Amino acid sequence: MLSNDKKTSPLGLYSIGIAALFLLGFFLLVVFGAQNYRGAVTAQHANDDSRVLLSYVSTCLSSCDETGCVQIRKDGDSAVLVIADGDTGYASRLYLSDGCLVEDYNEIDAPLDPQDAQTIGETGVFTVEEKAEGLLAVTTDAGTSYVYVRSKGGVQ
């Protein structure tokens, strides 16, 4: 004869409960880890964005480091960094326009034309000062970068 008395063991429920607890812990670990990773990447991108303007200006100055090619001019209250393209009579001119650092490539003495200029990035401050012979201090919202002009002509 078969008995209809089925005894259920609590061991099966404990096993399922422990497996569910481990699964829940794993899920929470993945979610919190993904949020931390997203926060770290966002902070890294913000840091990169804040330094891009100074890096761009430093690279422009370093790439065209020839005798007498760098000039600092004033246009009203703004500084204009003029980097001549050899003896062609043309230059890259970097200046502040409507809260953005812009660059145009035109004749050295041509008037500035922000409408045709390429936007480099947003900044409220752009100053260029010669601190010592050949040492330029370039300042934007991200801070100040010092660039040494190695050419014999220095800065005009």
N, C-alpha and C. Protein backbone atom coordinates (compact mmCIF):
# COMPACT_ATOMS: atom_id res chain seq x y z
N MET A 1 0.80 -1.17 0.00
CA MET A 1 0.00 0.00 0.00
C MET A 1 0.85 1.26 0.00
N LEU A 2 0.34 2.17 -0.72
CA LEU A 2 1.03 3.44 -0.78
C LEU A 2 0.40 4.41 0.20
N SER A 3 1.24 5.17 0.78
CA SER A 3 0.77 6.14 1.77
C SER A 3 0.61 7.50 1.10
N ASN A 4 -0.45 8.17 1.42
CA ASN A 4 -0.70 9.50 0.90
C ASN A 4 -0.04 10.57 1.77
N ASP A 5 0.66 10.18 2.77
CA ASP A 5 1.31 11.14 3.66
C ASP A 5 2.65 11.55 3.04
N LYS A 6 2.62 12.68 2.34
CA LYS A 6 3.86 13.20 1.75
C LYS A 6 4.45 14.20 2.74
N LYS A 7 5.64 13.97 3.08
CA LYS A 7 6.32 14.89 3.97
C LYS A 7 7.20 15.81 3.12
N THR A 8 6.99 17.09 3.27
CA THR A 8 7.84 18.04 2.54
C THR A 8 9.00 18.43 3.43
N SER A 9 10.12 18.51 2.81
CA SER A 9 11.33 18.86 3.54
C SER A 9 11.60 20.35 3.37
N PRO A 10 11.91 21.06 4.46
CA PRO A 10 12.24 22.49 4.35
C PRO A 10 13.59 22.71 3.66
N LEU A 11 14.36 21.69 3.46
CA LEU A 11 15.67 21.82 2.82
C LEU A 11 15.54 22.33 1.38
N GLY A 12 14.54 21.93 0.66
CA GLY A 12 14.32 22.41 -0.71
C GLY A 12 14.01 23.89 -0.75
N LEU A 13 13.19 24.37 0.19
CA LEU A 13 12.87 25.80 0.26
C LEU A 13 14.10 26.62 0.63
N TYR A 14 14.92 26.11 1.53
CA TYR A 14 16.14 26.82 1.91
C TYR A 14 17.09 26.91 0.72
N SER A 15 17.20 25.88 -0.04
CA SER A 15 18.09 25.87 -1.21
C SER A 15 17.63 26.90 -2.24
N ILE A 16 16.34 26.95 -2.49
CA ILE A 16 15.81 27.93 -3.44
C ILE A 16 16.00 29.35 -2.91
N GLY A 17 15.78 29.53 -1.62
CA GLY A 17 15.96 30.86 -1.00
C GLY A 17 17.40 31.33 -1.08
N ILE A 18 18.34 30.44 -0.81
CA ILE A 18 19.75 30.82 -0.88
C ILE A 18 20.16 31.12 -2.32
N ALA A 19 19.71 30.34 -3.27
CA ALA A 19 20.01 30.59 -4.68
C ALA A 19 19.43 31.93 -5.12
N ALA A 20 18.20 32.23 -4.67
CA ALA A 20 17.58 33.52 -5.01
C ALA A 20 18.35 34.67 -4.38
N LEU A 21 18.83 34.49 -3.16
CA LEU A 21 19.61 35.52 -2.48
C LEU A 21 20.92 35.79 -3.22
N PHE A 22 21.61 34.74 -3.65
CA PHE A 22 22.85 34.92 -4.42
C PHE A 22 22.56 35.59 -5.76
N LEU A 23 21.48 35.23 -6.41
CA LEU A 23 21.11 35.84 -7.68
C LEU A 23 20.80 37.31 -7.50
N LEU A 24 20.07 37.66 -6.45
CA LEU A 24 19.77 39.05 -6.15
C LEU A 24 21.06 39.83 -5.86
N GLY A 25 21.96 39.25 -5.08
CA GLY A 25 23.24 39.91 -4.80
C GLY A 25 24.05 40.14 -6.05
N PHE A 26 24.09 39.14 -6.93
CA PHE A 26 24.81 39.29 -8.19
C PHE A 26 24.19 40.40 -9.04
N PHE A 27 22.87 40.44 -9.12
CA PHE A 27 22.19 41.47 -9.90
C PHE A 27 22.49 42.86 -9.35
N LEU A 28 22.44 43.03 -8.04
CA LEU A 28 22.74 44.33 -7.44
C LEU A 28 24.19 44.73 -7.68
N LEU A 29 25.09 43.76 -7.62
CA LEU A 29 26.50 44.04 -7.89
C LEU A 29 26.69 44.54 -9.32
N VAL A 30 26.03 43.92 -10.27
CA VAL A 30 26.13 44.35 -11.67
C VAL A 30 25.56 45.75 -11.85
N VAL A 31 24.41 46.03 -11.25
CA VAL A 31 23.77 47.34 -11.40
C VAL A 31 24.64 48.43 -10.79
N PHE A 32 25.11 48.25 -9.56
CA PHE A 32 25.93 49.26 -8.91
C PHE A 32 27.28 49.42 -9.61
N GLY A 33 27.83 48.34 -10.09
CA GLY A 33 29.09 48.42 -10.83
C GLY A 33 28.93 49.20 -12.13
N ALA A 34 27.83 48.98 -12.82
CA ALA A 34 27.57 49.72 -14.07
C ALA A 34 27.38 51.20 -13.79
N GLN A 35 26.71 51.54 -12.71
CA GLN A 35 26.52 52.96 -12.36
C GLN A 35 27.86 53.61 -12.01
N ASN A 36 28.69 52.92 -11.26
CA ASN A 36 30.02 53.47 -10.93
C ASN A 36 30.87 53.65 -12.18
N TYR A 37 30.81 52.69 -13.08
CA TYR A 37 31.57 52.79 -14.33
C TYR A 37 31.07 53.97 -15.16
N ARG A 38 29.78 54.15 -15.25
CA ARG A 38 29.21 55.27 -16.00
C ARG A 38 29.65 56.60 -15.40
N GLY A 39 29.66 56.68 -14.08
CA GLY A 39 30.11 57.91 -13.42
C GLY A 39 31.58 58.20 -13.68
N ALA A 40 32.41 57.16 -13.66
CA ALA A 40 33.84 57.34 -13.93
C ALA A 40 34.08 57.79 -15.36
N VAL A 41 33.36 57.21 -16.30
CA VAL A 41 33.52 57.59 -17.71
C VAL A 41 33.04 59.01 -17.94
N THR A 42 31.94 59.40 -17.32
CA THR A 42 31.44 60.77 -17.45
C THR A 42 32.45 61.78 -16.90
N ALA A 43 33.04 61.47 -15.77
CA ALA A 43 34.05 62.36 -15.18
C ALA A 43 35.28 62.45 -16.08
N GLN A 44 35.67 61.33 -16.68
CA GLN A 44 36.83 61.33 -17.57
C GLN A 44 36.56 62.18 -18.81
N HIS A 45 35.37 62.06 -19.38
CA HIS A 45 35.04 62.86 -20.56
C HIS A 45 34.98 64.34 -20.22
N ALA A 46 34.44 64.68 -19.06
CA ALA A 46 34.40 66.08 -18.64
C ALA A 46 35.81 66.63 -18.47
N ASN A 47 36.70 65.83 -17.91
CA ASN A 47 38.09 66.24 -17.74
C ASN A 47 38.76 66.43 -19.09
N ASP A 48 38.54 65.50 -20.02
CA ASP A 48 39.11 65.62 -21.36
C ASP A 48 38.59 66.86 -22.08
N ASP A 49 37.28 67.11 -21.96
CA ASP A 49 36.69 68.27 -22.62
C ASP A 49 37.24 69.58 -22.08
N SER A 50 37.52 69.62 -20.78
CA SER A 50 38.03 70.86 -20.20
C SER A 50 39.46 71.14 -20.63
N ARG A 51 40.20 70.12 -21.01
CA ARG A 51 41.60 70.31 -21.40
C ARG A 51 41.80 70.41 -22.90
N VAL A 52 40.79 70.17 -23.68
CA VAL A 52 40.96 70.09 -25.13
C VAL A 52 41.38 71.44 -25.72
N LEU A 53 40.87 72.54 -25.21
CA LEU A 53 41.22 73.85 -25.77
C LEU A 53 42.69 74.16 -25.55
N LEU A 54 43.17 73.95 -24.33
CA LEU A 54 44.58 74.23 -24.04
C LEU A 54 45.49 73.31 -24.86
N SER A 55 45.09 72.07 -25.01
CA SER A 55 45.89 71.13 -25.80
C SER A 55 45.93 71.55 -27.27
N TYR A 56 44.81 72.02 -27.78
CA TYR A 56 44.74 72.43 -29.18
C TYR A 56 45.65 73.62 -29.43
N VAL A 57 45.58 74.62 -28.56
CA VAL A 57 46.42 75.81 -28.73
C VAL A 57 47.89 75.43 -28.62
N SER A 58 48.23 74.60 -27.66
CA SER A 58 49.63 74.17 -27.49
C SER A 58 50.12 73.43 -28.73
N THR A 59 49.28 72.58 -29.29
CA THR A 59 49.66 71.84 -30.49
C THR A 59 49.84 72.77 -31.69
N CYS A 60 48.95 73.74 -31.83
CA CYS A 60 49.09 74.71 -32.93
C CYS A 60 50.41 75.47 -32.83
N LEU A 61 50.73 75.90 -31.60
CA LEU A 61 51.98 76.64 -31.41
C LEU A 61 53.20 75.76 -31.68
N SER A 62 53.15 74.54 -31.22
CA SER A 62 54.30 73.64 -31.40
C SER A 62 54.50 73.23 -32.86
N SER A 63 53.42 73.09 -33.60
CA SER A 63 53.53 72.62 -34.97
C SER A 63 54.06 73.69 -35.92
N CYS A 64 53.92 74.94 -35.57
CA CYS A 64 54.37 76.03 -36.45
C CYS A 64 55.44 76.86 -35.77
N ASP A 65 56.37 76.21 -35.12
CA ASP A 65 57.40 76.90 -34.36
C ASP A 65 58.57 77.26 -35.27
N GLU A 66 58.37 78.36 -36.01
CA GLU A 66 59.41 78.87 -36.89
C GLU A 66 59.74 80.29 -36.47
N THR A 67 60.84 80.79 -36.97
CA THR A 67 61.29 82.12 -36.61
C THR A 67 60.24 83.18 -36.94
N GLY A 68 59.79 83.89 -35.92
CA GLY A 68 58.88 85.02 -36.09
C GLY A 68 57.48 84.67 -36.51
N CYS A 69 57.05 83.43 -36.33
CA CYS A 69 55.72 83.06 -36.83
C CYS A 69 54.60 83.33 -35.83
N VAL A 70 54.91 83.57 -34.57
CA VAL A 70 53.88 83.74 -33.55
C VAL A 70 53.74 85.22 -33.19
N GLN A 71 52.51 85.70 -33.22
CA GLN A 71 52.21 87.09 -32.84
C GLN A 71 51.03 87.10 -31.88
N ILE A 72 51.07 88.03 -30.94
CA ILE A 72 49.93 88.25 -30.05
C ILE A 72 49.41 89.64 -30.35
N ARG A 73 48.14 89.70 -30.72
CA ARG A 73 47.50 90.99 -31.04
C ARG A 73 46.32 91.21 -30.11
N LYS A 74 45.86 92.43 -30.07
CA LYS A 74 44.66 92.76 -29.31
C LYS A 74 43.57 93.17 -30.30
N ASP A 75 42.37 92.69 -30.07
CA ASP A 75 41.20 93.09 -30.84
C ASP A 75 40.16 93.51 -29.81
N GLY A 76 40.16 94.79 -29.48
CA GLY A 76 39.30 95.25 -28.40
C GLY A 76 39.86 94.76 -27.08
N ASP A 77 39.06 94.03 -26.32
CA ASP A 77 39.51 93.46 -25.05
C ASP A 77 40.05 92.06 -25.22
N SER A 78 39.91 91.47 -26.39
CA SER A 78 40.29 90.06 -26.60
C SER A 78 41.70 89.96 -27.16
N ALA A 79 42.33 88.83 -26.83
CA ALA A 79 43.63 88.51 -27.40
C ALA A 79 43.42 87.71 -28.67
N VAL A 80 44.28 87.95 -29.64
CA VAL A 80 44.26 87.19 -30.89
C VAL A 80 45.64 86.57 -31.04
N LEU A 81 45.69 85.27 -31.08
CA LEU A 81 46.94 84.55 -31.28
C LEU A 81 47.08 84.27 -32.77
N VAL A 82 48.09 84.84 -33.38
CA VAL A 82 48.32 84.72 -34.82
C VAL A 82 49.53 83.80 -35.02
N ILE A 83 49.30 82.71 -35.76
CA ILE A 83 50.37 81.75 -36.04
C ILE A 83 50.55 81.71 -37.55
N ALA A 84 51.60 82.37 -38.02
CA ALA A 84 51.84 82.51 -39.46
C ALA A 84 52.19 81.16 -40.08
N ASP A 85 51.77 81.01 -41.33
CA ASP A 85 52.03 79.80 -42.10
C ASP A 85 53.23 80.05 -43.01
N GLY A 86 54.40 80.08 -42.41
CA GLY A 86 55.63 80.30 -43.17
C GLY A 86 55.63 81.67 -43.82
N ASP A 87 56.04 81.74 -45.07
CA ASP A 87 56.13 83.00 -45.81
C ASP A 87 54.96 83.19 -46.77
N THR A 88 53.84 82.50 -46.54
CA THR A 88 52.72 82.55 -47.47
C THR A 88 51.88 83.82 -47.31
N GLY A 89 52.00 84.50 -46.19
CA GLY A 89 51.16 85.67 -45.93
C GLY A 89 49.84 85.31 -45.26
N TYR A 90 49.62 84.04 -45.01
CA TYR A 90 48.41 83.57 -44.34
C TYR A 90 48.76 83.09 -42.94
N ALA A 91 47.73 83.03 -42.10
CA ALA A 91 47.97 82.61 -40.72
C ALA A 91 46.70 82.01 -40.13
N SER A 92 46.90 81.15 -39.14
CA SER A 92 45.80 80.69 -38.29
C SER A 92 45.66 81.72 -37.18
N ARG A 93 44.45 82.18 -36.97
CA ARG A 93 44.21 83.18 -35.93
C ARG A 93 43.20 82.62 -34.95
N LEU A 94 43.59 82.54 -33.70
CA LEU A 94 42.73 82.00 -32.64
C LEU A 94 42.28 83.16 -31.76
N TYR A 95 40.96 83.23 -31.51
CA TYR A 95 40.43 84.32 -30.69
C TYR A 95 39.08 83.92 -30.11
N LEU A 96 38.62 84.71 -29.17
CA LEU A 96 37.36 84.46 -28.49
C LEU A 96 36.24 85.19 -29.22
N SER A 97 35.14 84.48 -29.48
CA SER A 97 33.99 85.08 -30.14
C SER A 97 32.71 84.46 -29.59
N ASP A 98 31.87 85.26 -28.98
CA ASP A 98 30.57 84.81 -28.44
C ASP A 98 30.71 83.59 -27.51
N GLY A 99 31.68 83.63 -26.62
CA GLY A 99 31.85 82.55 -25.65
C GLY A 99 32.48 81.30 -26.20
N CYS A 100 33.05 81.38 -27.40
CA CYS A 100 33.71 80.22 -28.00
C CYS A 100 35.10 80.62 -28.49
N LEU A 101 36.03 79.70 -28.37
CA LEU A 101 37.33 79.88 -28.97
C LEU A 101 37.19 79.46 -30.43
N VAL A 102 37.56 80.36 -31.34
CA VAL A 102 37.42 80.07 -32.77
C VAL A 102 38.77 80.24 -33.45
N GLU A 103 38.88 79.63 -34.63
CA GLU A 103 40.09 79.74 -35.44
C GLU A 103 39.69 80.01 -36.88
N ASP A 104 40.36 80.98 -37.47
CA ASP A 104 40.18 81.17 -38.90
C ASP A 104 41.55 81.18 -39.57
N TYR A 105 41.54 80.87 -40.84
CA TYR A 105 42.76 80.85 -41.63
C TYR A 105 42.56 81.85 -42.74
N ASN A 106 43.34 82.92 -42.69
CA ASN A 106 43.15 84.00 -43.64
C ASN A 106 44.47 84.75 -43.77
N GLU A 107 44.46 85.83 -44.56
CA GLU A 107 45.65 86.67 -44.65
C GLU A 107 45.94 87.25 -43.28
N ILE A 108 47.21 87.44 -42.99
CA ILE A 108 47.62 87.86 -41.65
C ILE A 108 46.96 89.16 -41.23
N ASP A 109 46.86 90.13 -42.13
CA ASP A 109 46.32 91.44 -41.76
C ASP A 109 44.84 91.60 -42.10
N ALA A 110 44.19 90.56 -42.56
CA ALA A 110 42.76 90.65 -42.89
C ALA A 110 41.95 90.83 -41.60
N PRO A 111 40.81 91.52 -41.70
CA PRO A 111 39.98 91.67 -40.49
C PRO A 111 39.43 90.32 -40.03
N LEU A 112 39.21 90.22 -38.74
CA LEU A 112 38.66 88.98 -38.18
C LEU A 112 37.23 88.79 -38.65
N ASP A 113 36.89 87.55 -38.98
CA ASP A 113 35.56 87.23 -39.45
C ASP A 113 35.03 86.01 -38.69
N PRO A 114 34.41 86.23 -37.52
CA PRO A 114 33.94 85.11 -36.71
C PRO A 114 32.87 84.27 -37.40
N GLN A 115 32.17 84.82 -38.39
CA GLN A 115 31.14 84.06 -39.09
C GLN A 115 31.73 82.89 -39.87
N ASP A 116 32.93 83.09 -40.41
CA ASP A 116 33.58 82.04 -41.21
C ASP A 116 34.59 81.23 -40.41
N ALA A 117 34.73 81.54 -39.12
CA ALA A 117 35.73 80.86 -38.29
C ALA A 117 35.21 79.51 -37.81
N GLN A 118 36.13 78.59 -37.58
CA GLN A 118 35.81 77.25 -37.08
C GLN A 118 35.79 77.30 -35.55
N THR A 119 34.71 76.82 -34.94
CA THR A 119 34.62 76.79 -33.48
C THR A 119 35.46 75.64 -32.93
N ILE A 120 36.34 75.98 -31.99
CA ILE A 120 37.19 74.97 -31.35
C ILE A 120 36.49 74.42 -30.11
N GLY A 121 35.92 75.30 -29.29
CA GLY A 121 35.24 74.88 -28.08
C GLY A 121 34.73 76.08 -27.31
N GLU A 122 33.94 75.80 -26.28
CA GLU A 122 33.35 76.87 -25.49
C GLU A 122 34.28 77.26 -24.34
N THR A 123 34.44 78.56 -24.15
CA THR A 123 35.20 79.11 -23.04
C THR A 123 34.80 80.56 -22.86
N GLY A 124 34.83 81.01 -21.64
CA GLY A 124 34.52 82.42 -21.37
C GLY A 124 35.77 83.27 -21.31
N VAL A 125 36.93 82.63 -21.25
CA VAL A 125 38.20 83.33 -21.10
C VAL A 125 39.19 82.81 -22.13
N PHE A 126 39.88 83.73 -22.79
CA PHE A 126 41.00 83.36 -23.64
C PHE A 126 42.00 84.50 -23.61
N THR A 127 43.11 84.27 -22.94
CA THR A 127 44.18 85.27 -22.90
C THR A 127 45.48 84.59 -23.26
N VAL A 128 46.35 85.36 -23.90
CA VAL A 128 47.69 84.89 -24.24
C VAL A 128 48.66 85.98 -23.83
N GLU A 129 49.60 85.62 -22.98
CA GLU A 129 50.59 86.59 -22.51
C GLU A 129 51.98 86.00 -22.65
N GLU A 130 52.94 86.87 -22.96
CA GLU A 130 54.32 86.42 -22.98
C GLU A 130 54.90 86.69 -21.60
N LYS A 131 55.24 85.63 -20.88
CA LYS A 131 55.74 85.75 -19.51
C LYS A 131 57.24 86.03 -19.49
N ALA A 132 57.96 85.40 -20.36
CA ALA A 132 59.40 85.60 -20.52
C ALA A 132 59.67 85.45 -22.01
N GLU A 133 60.88 85.68 -22.41
CA GLU A 133 61.16 85.61 -23.83
C GLU A 133 60.88 84.21 -24.36
N GLY A 134 59.85 84.10 -25.19
CA GLY A 134 59.47 82.84 -25.80
C GLY A 134 58.53 81.99 -24.97
N LEU A 135 58.22 82.38 -23.73
CA LEU A 135 57.32 81.61 -22.87
C LEU A 135 55.94 82.24 -22.89
N LEU A 136 54.96 81.51 -23.41
CA LEU A 136 53.59 82.02 -23.49
C LEU A 136 52.72 81.36 -22.43
N ALA A 137 51.86 82.16 -21.83
CA ALA A 137 50.85 81.65 -20.89
C ALA A 137 49.51 81.76 -21.59
N VAL A 138 48.89 80.62 -21.89
CA VAL A 138 47.59 80.58 -22.55
C VAL A 138 46.56 80.20 -21.50
N THR A 139 45.54 81.05 -21.31
CA THR A 139 44.54 80.83 -20.27
C THR A 139 43.16 80.70 -20.87
N THR A 140 42.44 79.65 -20.44
CA THR A 140 41.03 79.47 -20.79
C THR A 140 40.29 79.15 -19.49
N ASP A 141 39.02 78.80 -19.61
CA ASP A 141 38.24 78.41 -18.42
C ASP A 141 38.87 77.21 -17.71
N ALA A 142 39.57 76.37 -18.44
CA ALA A 142 40.15 75.15 -17.87
C ALA A 142 41.43 75.42 -17.09
N GLY A 143 42.00 76.60 -17.21
CA GLY A 143 43.23 76.92 -16.49
C GLY A 143 44.24 77.56 -17.42
N THR A 144 45.49 77.45 -17.03
CA THR A 144 46.58 78.07 -17.78
C THR A 144 47.57 77.01 -18.22
N SER A 145 48.00 77.14 -19.46
CA SER A 145 49.01 76.25 -20.02
C SER A 145 50.18 77.11 -20.47
N TYR A 146 51.39 76.66 -20.18
CA TYR A 146 52.59 77.39 -20.57
C TYR A 146 53.23 76.68 -21.76
N VAL A 147 53.51 77.46 -22.80
CA VAL A 147 54.11 76.91 -24.01
C VAL A 147 55.36 77.73 -24.31
N TYR A 148 56.44 77.03 -24.52
CA TYR A 148 57.70 77.69 -24.86
C TYR A 148 57.89 77.65 -26.37
N VAL A 149 58.01 78.83 -26.97
CA VAL A 149 58.26 78.93 -28.40
C VAL A 149 59.76 78.81 -28.60
N ARG A 150 60.20 77.73 -29.23
CA ARG A 150 61.61 77.41 -29.34
C ARG A 150 62.33 78.15 -30.47
N SER A 151 61.56 78.74 -31.39
CA SER A 151 62.21 79.38 -32.53
C SER A 151 63.00 80.61 -32.09
N LYS A 152 63.99 80.97 -32.88
CA LYS A 152 64.85 82.08 -32.52
C LYS A 152 64.13 83.41 -32.57
N GLY A 153 63.10 83.51 -33.38
CA GLY A 153 62.39 84.78 -33.52
C GLY A 153 61.50 85.12 -32.34
N GLY A 154 61.13 84.12 -31.57
CA GLY A 154 60.30 84.37 -30.40
C GLY A 154 58.91 84.85 -30.79
N VAL A 155 58.33 85.69 -29.97
CA VAL A 155 56.98 86.19 -30.16
C VAL A 155 57.04 87.65 -30.54
N GLN A 156 56.26 88.02 -31.53
CA GLN A 156 56.22 89.44 -31.95
C GLN A 156 55.05 90.13 -31.33
